[in-house]
Amino acid sequence: MLPVGYTSVLQAQSREEFRDEVVRFTQRLGFATVSAVTMIEHGLGRSELITVDNTPSDYVQPYSDALSGRRDPVLQHCKRQTMPIIWDQGTYVEHGAGDLWEQQARYGYRTGIAMALHLPEGKHFWFGVDRDQPLPTDPDELQRIVADLQLFAVHAQDSAMRLLLPPAQQLERPSLTPREMEVLRWTMDGKTAWEVGAVLGISERTAVLHVTNAMRKLDCVSKHQAVLKALRLGLID
């Protein structure tokens, strides 16, 4: 059973519901502001950004400029990597962009965590949360926050692609084999490939193969994302 915050954003039926769930989860985790950005590359250097956030109204324009610029080190990290970045003033100073931090700090953007999911067919999802107070110094607590955000970002990305993209840019419902669906169901319950193989009477290698095939058909980059998409499409329950 998935925690309420994850299932709620996954079940959002409109852009407004999606935004409300994203903001609610973010603030429950101790962050004041959040940005969830869906990017679609159209080729020839053209790209489209669809942003859902709770940016303060008087910071909207500077924020939009930073999002489209090349100096922001957090944005540049997310464009190139999938590992989360934990940032503060030092991050910006190190990259010669201390003035950008000074500008955003006035609006409460003093530290935060950001990450990106890079998907097939030129689709990307950036997720960042921010606050004006320092992050926890305890490594275990900070690691838990990052892990919660990563898992939530996977759920949010799935809903963003469903709610924000026009139908022509969404993938058709794929056809999974009964065994692929069965393996995904056990994966949803937290079973490893070895455990799934033991339950189904197949080898671990065969279980991995079924998961990999399901990921490919669902156009997903991880088994967790594949489970979420299969749930949304009604392929598993």
C-alpha atoms as a PDB file:
ATOM      1  CA  MET A   1       0.000   0.000   0.000  1.00  0.00           C
ATOM      2  CA  LEU A   2       1.450   3.352  -1.045  1.00  0.00           C
ATOM      3  CA  PRO A   3       1.446   6.269   1.449  1.00  0.00           C
ATOM      4  CA  VAL A   4      -1.434   8.728   1.038  1.00  0.00           C
ATOM      5  CA  GLY A   5       0.688  11.574  -0.383  1.00  0.00           C
ATOM      6  CA  TYR A   6       1.941   9.402  -3.232  1.00  0.00           C
ATOM      7  CA  THR A   7      -1.409   7.911  -4.170  1.00  0.00           C
ATOM      8  CA  SER A   8      -3.112  11.309  -3.995  1.00  0.00           C
ATOM      9  CA  VAL A   9      -0.864  12.924  -6.587  1.00  0.00           C
ATOM     10  CA  LEU A  10      -1.082   9.810  -8.729  1.00  0.00           C
ATOM     11  CA  GLN A  11      -4.889  10.026  -8.704  1.00  0.00           C
ATOM     12  CA  ALA A  12      -5.082  13.764  -9.514  1.00  0.00           C
ATOM     13  CA  GLN A  13      -7.613  14.451 -12.252  1.00  0.00           C
ATOM     14  CA  SER A  14      -6.752  18.031 -13.203  1.00  0.00           C
ATOM     15  CA  ARG A  15      -3.874  20.463 -13.251  1.00  0.00           C
ATOM     16  CA  GLU A  16      -5.334  22.196 -10.192  1.00  0.00           C
ATOM     17  CA  GLU A  17      -5.587  18.945  -8.220  1.00  0.00           C
ATOM     18  CA  PHE A  18      -2.053  18.051  -9.280  1.00  0.00           C
ATOM     19  CA  ARG A  19      -0.718  21.405  -8.059  1.00  0.00           C
ATOM     20  CA  ASP A  20      -2.575  21.132  -4.760  1.00  0.00           C
ATOM     21  CA  GLU A  21      -1.163  17.670  -4.054  1.00  0.00           C
ATOM     22  CA  VAL A  22       2.373  18.705  -4.992  1.00  0.00           C
ATOM     23  CA  VAL A  23       2.247  21.770  -2.743  1.00  0.00           C
ATOM     24  CA  ARG A  24       0.635  19.833   0.112  1.00  0.00           C
ATOM     25  CA  PHE A  25       3.287  17.111   0.081  1.00  0.00           C
ATOM     26  CA  THR A  26       6.110  19.638  -0.206  1.00  0.00           C
ATOM     27  CA  GLN A  27       4.945  21.717   2.737  1.00  0.00           C
ATOM     28  CA  ARG A  28       4.302  18.628   4.842  1.00  0.00           C
ATOM     29  CA  LEU A  29       7.959  17.752   4.280  1.00  0.00           C
ATOM     30  CA  GLY A  30       9.055  21.161   5.555  1.00  0.00           C
ATOM     31  CA  PHE A  31       9.564  23.175   2.355  1.00  0.00           C
ATOM     32  CA  ALA A  32       7.682  26.371   1.525  1.00  0.00           C
ATOM     33  CA  THR A  33       7.941  26.414  -2.267  1.00  0.00           C
ATOM     34  CA  VAL A  34       8.045  23.839  -5.043  1.00  0.00           C
ATOM     35  CA  SER A  35       8.525  23.737  -8.804  1.00  0.00           C
ATOM     36  CA  ALA A  36       7.477  20.818 -10.991  1.00  0.00           C
ATOM     37  CA  VAL A  37       8.600  21.421 -14.567  1.00  0.00           C
ATOM     38  CA  THR A  38       7.726  19.213 -17.521  1.00  0.00           C
ATOM     39  CA  MET A  39       9.954  19.748 -20.548  1.00  0.00           C
ATOM     40  CA  ILE A  40       9.299  18.455 -24.066  1.00  0.00           C
ATOM     41  CA  GLU A  41      11.961  18.712 -26.739  1.00  0.00           C
ATOM     42  CA  HIS A  42      10.528  19.381 -30.195  1.00  0.00           C
ATOM     43  CA  GLY A  43      13.788  19.224 -32.126  1.00  0.00           C
ATOM     44  CA  LEU A  44      15.880  21.917 -33.827  1.00  0.00           C
ATOM     45  CA  GLY A  45      16.705  23.380 -30.430  1.00  0.00           C
ATOM     46  CA  ARG A  46      13.060  24.059 -29.614  1.00  0.00           C
ATOM     47  CA  SER A  47      11.648  22.969 -26.268  1.00  0.00           C
ATOM     48  CA  GLU A  48       8.459  23.561 -24.303  1.00  0.00           C
ATOM     49  CA  LEU A  49       8.296  24.074 -20.537  1.00  0.00           C
ATOM     50  CA  ILE A  50       5.129  23.432 -18.538  1.00  0.00           C
ATOM     51  CA  THR A  51       5.561  24.660 -14.973  1.00  0.00           C
ATOM     52  CA  VAL A  52       3.409  23.915 -11.940  1.00  0.00           C
ATOM     53  CA  ASP A  53       4.552  25.752  -8.809  1.00  0.00           C
ATOM     54  CA  ASN A  54       3.662  28.058  -5.936  1.00  0.00           C
ATOM     55  CA  THR A  55       6.268  30.710  -6.700  1.00  0.00           C
ATOM     56  CA  PRO A  56       5.566  34.037  -4.900  1.00  0.00           C
ATOM     57  CA  SER A  57       3.814  36.407  -7.310  1.00  0.00           C
ATOM     58  CA  ASP A  58       6.509  39.084  -7.094  1.00  0.00           C
ATOM     59  CA  TYR A  59       9.200  36.535  -7.940  1.00  0.00           C
ATOM     60  CA  VAL A  60       7.487  34.966 -10.955  1.00  0.00           C
ATOM     61  CA  GLN A  61       9.357  36.980 -13.584  1.00  0.00           C
ATOM     62  CA  PRO A  62      12.863  36.594 -12.064  1.00  0.00           C
ATOM     63  CA  TYR A  63      12.133  32.891 -11.567  1.00  0.00           C
ATOM     64  CA  SER A  64      11.072  32.489 -15.206  1.00  0.00           C
ATOM     65  CA  ASP A  65      14.250  34.231 -16.346  1.00  0.00           C
ATOM     66  CA  ALA A  66      16.389  31.904 -14.214  1.00  0.00           C
ATOM     67  CA  LEU A  67      14.550  28.851 -15.536  1.00  0.00           C
ATOM     68  CA  SER A  68      15.389  29.747 -19.113  1.00  0.00           C
ATOM     69  CA  GLY A  69      18.925  30.938 -18.390  1.00  0.00           C
ATOM     70  CA  ARG A  70      22.230  29.115 -18.385  1.00  0.00           C
ATOM     71  CA  ARG A  71      23.829  30.504 -15.231  1.00  0.00           C
ATOM     72  CA  ASP A  72      21.764  28.716 -12.591  1.00  0.00           C
ATOM     73  CA  PRO A  73      23.953  25.813 -11.341  1.00  0.00           C
ATOM     74  CA  VAL A  74      20.983  23.860  -9.967  1.00  0.00           C
ATOM     75  CA  LEU A  75      19.175  23.982 -13.287  1.00  0.00           C
ATOM     76  CA  GLN A  76      22.320  23.031 -15.190  1.00  0.00           C
ATOM     77  CA  HIS A  77      22.870  20.063 -12.868  1.00  0.00           C
ATOM     78  CA  CYS A  78      19.333  18.823 -13.451  1.00  0.00           C
ATOM     79  CA  LYS A  79      19.697  19.159 -17.211  1.00  0.00           C
ATOM     80  CA  ARG A  80      22.644  16.767 -17.218  1.00  0.00           C
ATOM     81  CA  GLN A  81      22.177  14.396 -14.292  1.00  0.00           C
ATOM     82  CA  THR A  82      19.542  12.324 -12.505  1.00  0.00           C
ATOM     83  CA  MET A  83      21.142  12.355  -9.053  1.00  0.00           C
ATOM     84  CA  PRO A  84      19.489  14.867  -6.688  1.00  0.00           C
ATOM     85  CA  ILE A  85      21.409  18.027  -5.836  1.00  0.00           C
ATOM     86  CA  ILE A  86      21.288  19.544  -2.353  1.00  0.00           C
ATOM     87  CA  TRP A  87      22.070  23.220  -2.780  1.00  0.00           C
ATOM     88  CA  ASP A  88      22.645  26.363  -0.748  1.00  0.00           C
ATOM     89  CA  GLN A  89      24.467  29.668  -1.115  1.00  0.00           C
ATOM     90  CA  GLY A  90      27.805  27.887  -1.465  1.00  0.00           C
ATOM     91  CA  THR A  91      26.569  26.063  -4.572  1.00  0.00           C
ATOM     92  CA  TYR A  92      25.894  29.339  -6.368  1.00  0.00           C
ATOM     93  CA  VAL A  93      29.068  31.064  -5.159  1.00  0.00           C
ATOM     94  CA  GLU A  94      31.169  28.097  -6.296  1.00  0.00           C
ATOM     95  CA  HIS A  95      29.776  28.468  -9.816  1.00  0.00           C
ATOM     96  CA  GLY A  96      30.160  32.237  -9.975  1.00  0.00           C
ATOM     97  CA  ALA A  97      26.440  32.871  -9.592  1.00  0.00           C
ATOM     98  CA  GLY A  98      26.298  34.305  -6.105  1.00  0.00           C
ATOM     99  CA  ASP A  99      24.230  37.219  -7.370  1.00  0.00           C
ATOM    100  CA  LEU A 100      21.478  34.808  -8.462  1.00  0.00           C
ATOM    101  CA  TRP A 101      21.331  33.363  -4.955  1.00  0.00           C
ATOM    102  CA  GLU A 102      21.171  36.835  -3.443  1.00  0.00           C
ATOM    103  CA  GLN A 103      18.230  37.669  -5.680  1.00  0.00           C
ATOM    104  CA  GLN A 104      16.228  34.529  -4.930  1.00  0.00           C
ATOM    105  CA  ALA A 105      17.104  34.472  -1.212  1.00  0.00           C
ATOM    106  CA  ARG A 106      14.962  37.564  -0.714  1.00  0.00           C
ATOM    107  CA  TYR A 107      11.945  35.434  -1.618  1.00  0.00           C
ATOM    108  CA  GLY A 108      12.800  32.484   0.631  1.00  0.00           C
ATOM    109  CA  TYR A 109      14.876  30.471  -1.850  1.00  0.00           C
ATOM    110  CA  ARG A 110      17.938  29.972   0.362  1.00  0.00           C
ATOM    111  CA  THR A 111      18.444  26.215   0.210  1.00  0.00           C
ATOM    112  CA  GLY A 112      16.717  23.201  -1.264  1.00  0.00           C
ATOM    113  CA  ILE A 113      16.799  19.913  -3.105  1.00  0.00           C
ATOM    114  CA  ALA A 114      16.279  19.400  -6.840  1.00  0.00           C
ATOM    115  CA  MET A 115      16.269  16.419  -9.168  1.00  0.00           C
ATOM    116  CA  ALA A 116      15.349  15.427 -12.699  1.00  0.00           C
ATOM    117  CA  LEU A 117      13.891  12.430 -14.511  1.00  0.00           C
ATOM    118  CA  HIS A 118      15.020  12.112 -18.125  1.00  0.00           C
ATOM    119  CA  LEU A 119      12.571  10.049 -20.159  1.00  0.00           C
ATOM    120  CA  PRO A 120      12.506   8.695 -23.710  1.00  0.00           C
ATOM    121  CA  GLU A 121      11.316  10.754 -26.678  1.00  0.00           C
ATOM    122  CA  GLY A 122      12.778  14.024 -25.395  1.00  0.00           C
ATOM    123  CA  LYS A 123      10.632  14.314 -22.274  1.00  0.00           C
ATOM    124  CA  HIS A 124      12.047  15.507 -18.947  1.00  0.00           C
ATOM    125  CA  PHE A 125      10.649  16.234 -15.511  1.00  0.00           C
ATOM    126  CA  TRP A 126      12.389  18.546 -13.008  1.00  0.00           C
ATOM    127  CA  PHE A 127      11.277  18.679  -9.394  1.00  0.00           C
ATOM    128  CA  GLY A 128      12.667  21.109  -6.829  1.00  0.00           C
ATOM    129  CA  VAL A 129      11.719  22.171  -3.307  1.00  0.00           C
ATOM    130  CA  ASP A 130      13.025  25.227  -1.467  1.00  0.00           C
ATOM    131  CA  ARG A 131      13.024  26.880   1.960  1.00  0.00           C
ATOM    132  CA  ASP A 132      14.584  29.756   3.864  1.00  0.00           C
ATOM    133  CA  GLN A 133      15.830  27.661   6.819  1.00  0.00           C
ATOM    134  CA  PRO A 134      18.923  25.386   6.732  1.00  0.00           C
ATOM    135  CA  LEU A 135      18.413  21.734   5.943  1.00  0.00           C
ATOM    136  CA  PRO A 136      18.872  19.133   8.714  1.00  0.00           C
ATOM    137  CA  THR A 137      22.495  18.447   9.624  1.00  0.00           C
ATOM    138  CA  ASP A 138      21.792  14.830  10.586  1.00  0.00           C
ATOM    139  CA  PRO A 139      22.797  12.703   7.550  1.00  0.00           C
ATOM    140  CA  ASP A 140      20.116  10.065   8.163  1.00  0.00           C
ATOM    141  CA  GLU A 141      17.325  12.619   8.386  1.00  0.00           C
ATOM    142  CA  LEU A 142      18.525  14.396   5.254  1.00  0.00           C
ATOM    143  CA  GLN A 143      18.791  11.099   3.389  1.00  0.00           C
ATOM    144  CA  ARG A 144      15.204  10.258   4.368  1.00  0.00           C
ATOM    145  CA  ILE A 145      13.971  13.592   3.016  1.00  0.00           C
ATOM    146  CA  VAL A 146      15.809  13.076  -0.271  1.00  0.00           C
ATOM    147  CA  ALA A 147      14.420   9.537  -0.582  1.00  0.00           C
ATOM    148  CA  ASP A 148      10.867  10.756   0.073  1.00  0.00           C
ATOM    149  CA  LEU A 149      11.261  13.452  -2.573  1.00  0.00           C
ATOM    150  CA  GLN A 150      12.667  11.010  -5.122  1.00  0.00           C
ATOM    151  CA  LEU A 151       9.760   8.621  -4.689  1.00  0.00           C
ATOM    152  CA  PHE A 152       7.230  11.434  -4.804  1.00  0.00           C
ATOM    153  CA  ALA A 153       8.859  12.867  -7.939  1.00  0.00           C
ATOM    154  CA  VAL A 154       8.321   9.550  -9.735  1.00  0.00           C
ATOM    155  CA  HIS A 155       4.615   9.679  -8.867  1.00  0.00           C
ATOM    156  CA  ALA A 156       4.337  13.369  -9.762  1.00  0.00           C
ATOM    157  CA  GLN A 157       6.086  12.850 -13.091  1.00  0.00           C
ATOM    158  CA  ASP A 158       3.611  10.170 -14.091  1.00  0.00           C
ATOM    159  CA  SER A 159       0.652  12.438 -13.348  1.00  0.00           C
ATOM    160  CA  ALA A 160       2.294  15.442 -15.002  1.00  0.00           C
ATOM    161  CA  MET A 161       2.750  13.549 -18.263  1.00  0.00           C
ATOM    162  CA  ARG A 162      -0.868  12.423 -18.123  1.00  0.00           C
ATOM    163  CA  LEU A 163      -2.436  15.749 -17.173  1.00  0.00           C
ATOM    164  CA  LEU A 164      -0.216  18.350 -18.815  1.00  0.00           C
ATOM    165  CA  LEU A 165       0.686  16.859 -22.187  1.00  0.00           C
ATOM    166  CA  PRO A 166      -1.762  16.981 -25.104  1.00  0.00           C
ATOM    167  CA  PRO A 167      -3.190  13.567 -26.092  1.00  0.00           C
ATOM    168  CA  ALA A 168      -1.084  13.447 -29.264  1.00  0.00           C
ATOM    169  CA  GLN A 169       2.099  13.446 -27.156  1.00  0.00           C
ATOM    170  CA  GLN A 170       0.960  10.686 -24.821  1.00  0.00           C
ATOM    171  CA  LEU A 171       1.752   7.064 -25.403  1.00  0.00           C
ATOM    172  CA  GLU A 172      -0.930   4.551 -26.321  1.00  0.00           C
ATOM    173  CA  ARG A 173      -1.929   1.877 -23.821  1.00  0.00           C
ATOM    174  CA  PRO A 174       0.675  -0.894 -24.212  1.00  0.00           C
ATOM    175  CA  SER A 175      -0.028  -4.611 -24.193  1.00  0.00           C
ATOM    176  CA  LEU A 176       1.707  -6.572 -21.434  1.00  0.00           C
ATOM    177  CA  THR A 177       1.835 -10.343 -21.215  1.00  0.00           C
ATOM    178  CA  PRO A 178       0.151 -12.029 -18.215  1.00  0.00           C
ATOM    179  CA  ARG A 179       3.588 -12.881 -16.799  1.00  0.00           C
ATOM    180  CA  GLU A 180       4.831  -9.289 -17.150  1.00  0.00           C
ATOM    181  CA  MET A 181       1.768  -8.022 -15.296  1.00  0.00           C
ATOM    182  CA  GLU A 182       2.223 -10.663 -12.612  1.00  0.00           C
ATOM    183  CA  VAL A 183       5.857  -9.687 -12.082  1.00  0.00           C
ATOM    184  CA  LEU A 184       4.883  -6.019 -11.824  1.00  0.00           C
ATOM    185  CA  ARG A 185       2.251  -6.852  -9.192  1.00  0.00           C
ATOM    186  CA  TRP A 186       4.836  -8.584  -7.019  1.00  0.00           C
ATOM    187  CA  THR A 187       7.282  -5.740  -7.622  1.00  0.00           C
ATOM    188  CA  MET A 188       4.603  -3.344  -6.378  1.00  0.00           C
ATOM    189  CA  ASP A 189       4.536  -5.351  -3.138  1.00  0.00           C
ATOM    190  CA  GLY A 190       8.234  -4.670  -2.669  1.00  0.00           C
ATOM    191  CA  LYS A 191       9.592  -8.022  -3.829  1.00  0.00           C
ATOM    192  CA  THR A 192      13.072  -8.217  -5.323  1.00  0.00           C
ATOM    193  CA  ALA A 193      13.690 -10.024  -8.599  1.00  0.00           C
ATOM    194  CA  TRP A 194      15.009 -13.017  -6.648  1.00  0.00           C
ATOM    195  CA  GLU A 195      11.889 -13.093  -4.460  1.00  0.00           C
ATOM    196  CA  VAL A 196       9.582 -12.718  -7.459  1.00  0.00           C
ATOM    197  CA  GLY A 197      11.350 -15.613  -9.137  1.00  0.00           C
ATOM    198  CA  ALA A 198      10.940 -17.782  -6.038  1.00  0.00           C
ATOM    199  CA  VAL A 199       7.215 -16.979  -5.786  1.00  0.00           C
ATOM    200  CA  LEU A 200       6.534 -17.648  -9.473  1.00  0.00           C
ATOM    201  CA  GLY A 201       8.878 -20.613  -9.839  1.00  0.00           C
ATOM    202  CA  ILE A 202      11.154 -18.900 -12.363  1.00  0.00           C
ATOM    203  CA  SER A 203      14.778 -17.827 -12.243  1.00  0.00           C
ATOM    204  CA  GLU A 204      15.847 -14.416 -11.018  1.00  0.00           C
ATOM    205  CA  ARG A 205      17.196 -13.715 -14.491  1.00  0.00           C
ATOM    206  CA  THR A 206      13.812 -14.489 -16.064  1.00  0.00           C
ATOM    207  CA  ALA A 207      12.053 -12.235 -13.539  1.00  0.00           C
ATOM    208  CA  VAL A 208      14.431  -9.398 -14.434  1.00  0.00           C
ATOM    209  CA  LEU A 209      13.752 -10.029 -18.120  1.00  0.00           C
ATOM    210  CA  HIS A 210       9.993  -9.702 -17.599  1.00  0.00           C
ATOM    211  CA  VAL A 211      10.427  -6.458 -15.656  1.00  0.00           C
ATOM    212  CA  THR A 212      12.758  -5.092 -18.332  1.00  0.00           C
ATOM    213  CA  ASN A 213      10.279  -5.956 -21.085  1.00  0.00           C
ATOM    214  CA  ALA A 214       7.462  -4.276 -19.147  1.00  0.00           C
ATOM    215  CA  MET A 215       9.597  -1.156 -18.636  1.00  0.00           C
ATOM    216  CA  ARG A 216      10.343  -1.006 -22.362  1.00  0.00           C
ATOM    217  CA  LYS A 217       6.683  -1.419 -23.360  1.00  0.00           C
ATOM    218  CA  LEU A 218       5.579   1.192 -20.822  1.00  0.00           C
ATOM    219  CA  ASP A 219       8.361   3.576 -21.910  1.00  0.00           C
ATOM    220  CA  CYS A 220       9.719   3.817 -18.362  1.00  0.00           C
ATOM    221  CA  VAL A 221      13.240   4.135 -17.014  1.00  0.00           C
ATOM    222  CA  SER A 222      12.777   2.241 -13.725  1.00  0.00           C
ATOM    223  CA  LYS A 223      10.702  -0.638 -12.401  1.00  0.00           C
ATOM    224  CA  HIS A 224       9.015   1.678  -9.884  1.00  0.00           C
ATOM    225  CA  GLN A 225       7.917   4.030 -12.635  1.00  0.00           C
ATOM    226  CA  ALA A 226       6.665   1.021 -14.627  1.00  0.00           C
ATOM    227  CA  VAL A 227       4.551  -0.124 -11.669  1.00  0.00           C
ATOM    228  CA  LEU A 228       3.030   3.335 -11.291  1.00  0.00           C
ATOM    229  CA  LYS A 229       2.223   3.628 -14.976  1.00  0.00           C
ATOM    230  CA  ALA A 230       0.715   0.152 -15.074  1.00  0.00           C
ATOM    231  CA  LEU A 231      -1.468   1.108 -12.102  1.00  0.00           C
ATOM    232  CA  ARG A 232      -2.646   4.304 -13.787  1.00  0.00           C
ATOM    233  CA  LEU A 233      -3.430   2.515 -17.028  1.00  0.00           C
ATOM    234  CA  GLY A 234      -5.372  -0.150 -15.182  1.00  0.00           C
ATOM    235  CA  LEU A 235      -3.034  -2.930 -16.297  1.00  0.00           C
ATOM    236  CA  ILE A 236      -2.539  -4.038 -12.676  1.00  0.00           C
ATOM    237  CA  ASP A 237      -4.447  -3.333  -9.478  1.00  0.00           C
END
